[in-house]
Amino acid sequence: MSRVPAQRETGLRVHRKREVSPLRRQAQARVLAALVVAVTFAVTYTSTVKLRPLFAPDSRYYAGMALWFGGESQAEAARQVAEVSAKSGWASPAASVLFGWGLVQPRVVLPALSVPFVKLWGIDGLVVVPGLALAALIGLMAWQLSRRYGTVAALGAVVLIMCSPQIMFYGSAMLTESLSALWGALTLAAAWRYQRRPGWAPVAAMVGLTLVSAFTRQSTLIVAGAFVVAWLAALVLRHRPNGWGVAALAVGGTSVVAQVVQTVLFPTFSQLDQFKTKTGADSLSGALLAAPRLAWHIARTDVKTFALADRPLLVLVALCILSGLVFWRREETHLLLGAFAGTELYGVTNGTPTAFRYAMPGLVFFALSLALLFSRAVQRTGQPARTDDLEPGRESPLEPGGESPRRTVSSGQGQRGVA
């Protein structure tokens, strides 16, 4: 006679604990992280577009170009822009200024991309491309940071960025900021690609992205400054290998060429005259002497704006300063320092406090600094960040001491080795 199993005799069911594979746990964590990012973006973006007007003063020029590129005459485009401007309480420039001001004439990328949406929904369609670019930027940064610093650090950085009303407004409005920030993040991705696998393709990508960025907004010196300072810092600190030389040359050289070409093609705006006007000087030497005072005024005004209206952004800036002081030997700090120098040059020569608007093209470098700080904070509290998601061949940022990390992720079977 066959023996009845004990669990059937007693009527009890034996439950065995299912073992979840590491890959499945990793996939679940990624899905949860993606949901956190998506929900945060949905809340902050929707709040911004519902509560704040997205048609800004500069939007008049982009709207006019989009209408013109879509087949309207300049006179008709100027008339439609004037109608929308009047609803916002602004006077609209004449067609000769709307289409002839040298500062905005080179900024053709946003209007060109917006043509189909403007033809469908009128000037309101100008909001579509910035919104899509902002969503792509947040997704790209979350992906980049999670692969280099772990999921927790990436979430901390991008969620803090999305909690800033200023950043979300500049990224959502009918402006060029979200596109410029996206080009900056993609250029950094191309530079990292070249460091992993040198070749002509990532160099061509850096050059192409810099050209597109130059004709989106004249702010390419911010990314160029980041790469140049990272390269120089690696030389001074004798970091080997120094992977920033080619990126600095490609982006910096292309930026200079683009600036010169735009100055020749669109001579109705002079950055030098703008600089002298804002400093109240009659000569370049006088303007240079007055520049520190102007820079201090801009910094004080912006910090006051953050404290009154955008404390998450004030926290973001403060944490980036802390990260830079603690990890002063790391390339993340050097990249942010170079981007900040480019932003200051941009801001001082224009002479206007913008409450982080001019820093938007270098937003990814702020995100890097934050993610580095958060990843080390997680490690210090006794909860080591997982490095399973790190890019093959990339260094982990979690080694102590502030030096170049020793742990790497193998490009083979995911095994780690210590140099």
Foldseek 3Di string as FASTA:
>chain_A
DDDDDPCVVVVHDDDDDDDDDPVRVVVVVVVVLVVLLVVLLVVLLVCLPVPDAQCDPVLLLLLLLLVVVLPDDLQVSQVLSQVVQVVVVDGGDDSCCSCAALQQVLQCLLSVVQNVQCVVPNSVSLQPVLVVLQVVLLVLLLLVLCQFQNNVLSSVLSSLQSLFNQNSSLSRHSALLSVLQSLLSVLVVLLVVCVVPNDVVSLVSNLVSLLNSCSNHLQLQLQLLLLVLLQVLCVVVVDPPRSSPSSNCSSVVSSVVSVVVSCVVRVNDDLQVLLCVLQVHPDPVSSVVSLVVLLVVLVVVLLVCCVVPTVSVVVLVVLLVVLCVVLVSDSLNSSNVRSVVSLSVVCNSNSDRDNCSSSSSVSSSSSSSSSLVVQQVCVVVVRHRDNQSHDAQHAHSHDPDSDGHQWGFHPPPRDIDGD
